[in-house]
N, C-alpha and C. Protein backbone atom coordinates (compact mmCIF):
# COMPACT_ATOMS: atom_id res chain seq x y z
N MET A 1 0.85 -1.17 0.01
CA MET A 1 0.01 0.01 0.00
C MET A 1 0.90 1.23 0.00
N PRO A 2 0.53 2.23 -0.80
CA PRO A 2 1.33 3.47 -0.84
C PRO A 2 1.16 4.25 0.47
N ASN A 3 2.16 5.06 0.74
CA ASN A 3 2.17 5.94 1.93
C ASN A 3 2.19 7.40 1.51
N GLY A 4 1.85 8.27 2.42
CA GLY A 4 1.89 9.69 2.19
C GLY A 4 1.59 10.42 3.50
N LYS A 5 1.33 11.72 3.36
CA LYS A 5 0.93 12.46 4.57
C LYS A 5 -0.22 13.42 4.19
N ILE A 6 -1.04 13.68 5.19
CA ILE A 6 -2.17 14.58 4.99
C ILE A 6 -1.67 16.00 4.72
N LYS A 7 -2.10 16.58 3.64
CA LYS A 7 -1.78 17.96 3.35
C LYS A 7 -2.74 18.88 4.13
N PHE A 8 -4.01 18.62 3.98
CA PHE A 8 -5.05 19.27 4.80
C PHE A 8 -6.33 18.49 4.73
N TYR A 9 -7.20 18.73 5.69
CA TYR A 9 -8.52 18.11 5.74
C TYR A 9 -9.51 19.12 6.20
N LEU A 10 -10.59 19.34 5.42
CA LEU A 10 -11.65 20.27 5.77
C LEU A 10 -12.77 19.45 6.43
N TYR A 11 -12.82 19.49 7.71
CA TYR A 11 -13.75 18.65 8.47
C TYR A 11 -15.21 18.90 8.09
N LYS A 12 -15.60 20.17 8.02
CA LYS A 12 -17.00 20.49 7.72
C LYS A 12 -17.44 20.04 6.32
N GLN A 13 -16.50 20.13 5.38
CA GLN A 13 -16.80 19.71 4.01
C GLN A 13 -16.53 18.20 3.80
N GLY A 14 -15.75 17.61 4.66
CA GLY A 14 -15.53 16.14 4.61
C GLY A 14 -14.58 15.70 3.52
N PHE A 15 -13.59 16.54 3.17
CA PHE A 15 -12.61 16.11 2.18
C PHE A 15 -11.27 16.69 2.49
N GLY A 16 -10.22 16.17 1.86
CA GLY A 16 -8.86 16.67 2.00
C GLY A 16 -7.94 16.16 0.91
N PHE A 17 -6.67 16.40 1.12
CA PHE A 17 -5.68 15.93 0.14
C PHE A 17 -4.53 15.27 0.82
N ILE A 18 -3.92 14.28 0.14
CA ILE A 18 -2.77 13.55 0.64
C ILE A 18 -1.59 13.86 -0.32
N ILE A 19 -0.42 14.10 0.28
CA ILE A 19 0.82 14.24 -0.50
C ILE A 19 1.44 12.84 -0.54
N PRO A 20 1.47 12.20 -1.73
CA PRO A 20 2.04 10.84 -1.81
C PRO A 20 3.57 10.86 -1.66
N ASP A 21 4.11 9.86 -0.97
CA ASP A 21 5.54 9.75 -0.82
C ASP A 21 6.24 9.53 -2.18
N SER A 22 5.54 8.96 -3.12
CA SER A 22 6.09 8.66 -4.43
C SER A 22 6.21 9.87 -5.30
N GLY A 23 5.72 11.02 -4.83
CA GLY A 23 5.77 12.23 -5.60
C GLY A 23 4.53 12.35 -6.50
N GLY A 24 4.56 13.33 -7.33
CA GLY A 24 3.37 13.56 -8.22
C GLY A 24 2.34 14.44 -7.60
N ALA A 25 1.21 14.49 -8.21
CA ALA A 25 0.11 15.38 -7.78
C ALA A 25 -0.48 14.92 -6.46
N ASP A 26 -0.97 15.89 -5.70
CA ASP A 26 -1.70 15.56 -4.48
C ASP A 26 -2.93 14.73 -4.77
N LEU A 27 -3.33 13.87 -3.87
CA LEU A 27 -4.48 12.98 -4.08
C LEU A 27 -5.67 13.46 -3.24
N PHE A 28 -6.78 13.61 -3.87
CA PHE A 28 -8.04 13.97 -3.18
C PHE A 28 -8.55 12.75 -2.43
N PHE A 29 -9.18 12.98 -1.29
CA PHE A 29 -9.92 11.92 -0.57
C PHE A 29 -11.13 12.53 0.10
N HIS A 30 -12.13 11.68 0.28
CA HIS A 30 -13.37 12.08 0.93
C HIS A 30 -13.51 11.31 2.23
N LYS A 31 -14.32 11.81 3.15
CA LYS A 31 -14.42 11.15 4.49
C LYS A 31 -14.89 9.71 4.38
N VAL A 32 -15.62 9.35 3.31
CA VAL A 32 -16.03 7.98 3.19
C VAL A 32 -14.86 7.02 2.85
N ASP A 33 -13.72 7.61 2.41
CA ASP A 33 -12.53 6.83 2.12
C ASP A 33 -11.74 6.44 3.36
N LEU A 34 -12.05 7.03 4.47
CA LEU A 34 -11.31 6.74 5.73
C LEU A 34 -11.67 5.37 6.24
N ALA A 35 -10.65 4.58 6.60
CA ALA A 35 -10.91 3.23 7.15
C ALA A 35 -11.65 3.30 8.47
N ASN A 36 -11.36 4.32 9.25
CA ASN A 36 -12.01 4.52 10.55
C ASN A 36 -12.74 5.89 10.50
N PRO A 37 -14.04 5.91 10.36
CA PRO A 37 -14.74 7.20 10.23
C PRO A 37 -14.65 8.08 11.47
N ASP A 38 -14.20 7.52 12.59
CA ASP A 38 -14.09 8.27 13.85
C ASP A 38 -12.80 9.08 13.95
N ILE A 39 -11.84 8.82 13.05
CA ILE A 39 -10.61 9.59 13.15
C ILE A 39 -10.77 10.94 12.43
N GLN A 40 -10.02 11.92 12.88
CA GLN A 40 -9.94 13.20 12.17
C GLN A 40 -8.54 13.36 11.68
N PRO A 41 -8.37 13.28 10.34
CA PRO A 41 -7.02 13.47 9.77
C PRO A 41 -6.45 14.84 10.12
N LEU A 42 -5.16 14.85 10.47
CA LEU A 42 -4.45 16.07 10.83
C LEU A 42 -3.38 16.38 9.83
N PRO A 43 -3.06 17.64 9.60
CA PRO A 43 -1.94 17.95 8.69
C PRO A 43 -0.67 17.24 9.12
N ASP A 44 0.08 16.77 8.13
CA ASP A 44 1.34 16.07 8.30
C ASP A 44 1.20 14.67 8.92
N GLN A 45 -0.02 14.21 9.17
CA GLN A 45 -0.22 12.86 9.69
C GLN A 45 0.15 11.86 8.62
N ARG A 46 0.99 10.86 8.97
CA ARG A 46 1.42 9.83 8.01
C ARG A 46 0.22 8.85 7.83
N VAL A 47 -0.05 8.53 6.57
CA VAL A 47 -1.15 7.64 6.25
C VAL A 47 -0.71 6.60 5.19
N THR A 48 -1.42 5.52 5.13
CA THR A 48 -1.34 4.56 4.04
C THR A 48 -2.68 4.49 3.40
N PHE A 49 -2.70 4.18 2.10
CA PHE A 49 -3.96 4.21 1.34
C PHE A 49 -3.90 3.28 0.14
N GLU A 50 -5.06 3.01 -0.45
CA GLU A 50 -5.13 2.25 -1.66
C GLU A 50 -5.22 3.23 -2.85
N GLY A 51 -4.66 2.82 -3.93
CA GLY A 51 -4.72 3.69 -5.12
C GLY A 51 -3.36 4.15 -5.46
N PRO A 52 -3.15 5.24 -6.10
CA PRO A 52 -4.21 6.17 -6.54
C PRO A 52 -4.98 5.68 -7.75
N VAL A 53 -6.16 6.18 -7.93
CA VAL A 53 -6.97 5.84 -9.08
C VAL A 53 -7.29 7.12 -9.85
N ASP A 54 -7.54 6.93 -11.16
CA ASP A 54 -7.93 8.05 -11.97
C ASP A 54 -9.37 8.45 -11.71
N HIS A 55 -9.61 9.75 -11.72
CA HIS A 55 -10.94 10.28 -11.50
C HIS A 55 -11.10 11.42 -12.50
N PRO A 56 -12.31 11.71 -12.94
CA PRO A 56 -12.43 12.77 -13.94
C PRO A 56 -11.83 14.13 -13.54
N LYS A 57 -11.74 14.38 -12.24
CA LYS A 57 -11.17 15.64 -11.76
C LYS A 57 -9.74 15.48 -11.30
N GLY A 58 -9.12 14.35 -11.55
CA GLY A 58 -7.70 14.13 -11.13
C GLY A 58 -7.56 12.85 -10.36
N LYS A 59 -6.35 12.57 -9.86
CA LYS A 59 -6.09 11.39 -9.11
C LYS A 59 -6.71 11.46 -7.71
N ARG A 60 -7.09 10.33 -7.18
CA ARG A 60 -7.63 10.31 -5.82
C ARG A 60 -7.19 9.04 -5.11
N ALA A 61 -7.12 9.12 -3.78
CA ALA A 61 -6.86 7.96 -2.96
C ALA A 61 -8.15 7.14 -2.85
N GLU A 62 -7.99 5.87 -2.70
CA GLU A 62 -9.13 5.00 -2.60
C GLU A 62 -9.49 4.72 -1.13
N LYS A 63 -10.52 3.95 -0.95
CA LYS A 63 -10.98 3.58 0.40
C LYS A 63 -9.86 2.93 1.18
N GLY A 64 -9.98 2.98 2.47
CA GLY A 64 -9.01 2.31 3.33
C GLY A 64 -7.88 3.21 3.80
N ILE A 65 -8.06 4.51 3.81
CA ILE A 65 -7.02 5.41 4.31
C ILE A 65 -6.90 5.20 5.80
N LYS A 66 -5.65 4.86 6.22
CA LYS A 66 -5.37 4.59 7.62
C LYS A 66 -4.17 5.38 8.06
N SER A 67 -4.16 5.76 9.30
CA SER A 67 -2.98 6.33 9.91
C SER A 67 -1.90 5.26 9.90
N VAL A 68 -0.67 5.63 9.58
CA VAL A 68 0.41 4.66 9.60
C VAL A 68 0.53 4.06 10.99
N LYS A 69 0.33 4.87 12.00
CA LYS A 69 0.36 4.37 13.39
C LYS A 69 -0.69 3.25 13.57
N ASP A 70 -1.91 3.45 13.05
CA ASP A 70 -2.95 2.41 13.17
C ASP A 70 -2.61 1.21 12.34
N TYR A 71 -1.99 1.42 11.18
CA TYR A 71 -1.66 0.33 10.26
C TYR A 71 -0.58 -0.57 10.87
N LEU A 72 0.36 0.02 11.58
CA LEU A 72 1.45 -0.75 12.16
C LEU A 72 1.07 -1.40 13.49
N ALA A 73 -0.02 -0.95 14.10
CA ALA A 73 -0.40 -1.48 15.44
C ALA A 73 -0.97 -2.87 15.31
């Protein structure tokens, strides 16, 4: 699974962006893509995710976004 870090997350709107470790464009994600809907992504938080996948508006991360800390636990 690819890794990256949260660039920002807009809680009220329910979306944010991930900066992938592999470089390239930032990846969009929506709150439904979070593996644990109870977490609040924080800037610079390390995450792992599925994807990226092509989307009409650009690349996006797929479902299963997890904090690296949660993934390693």
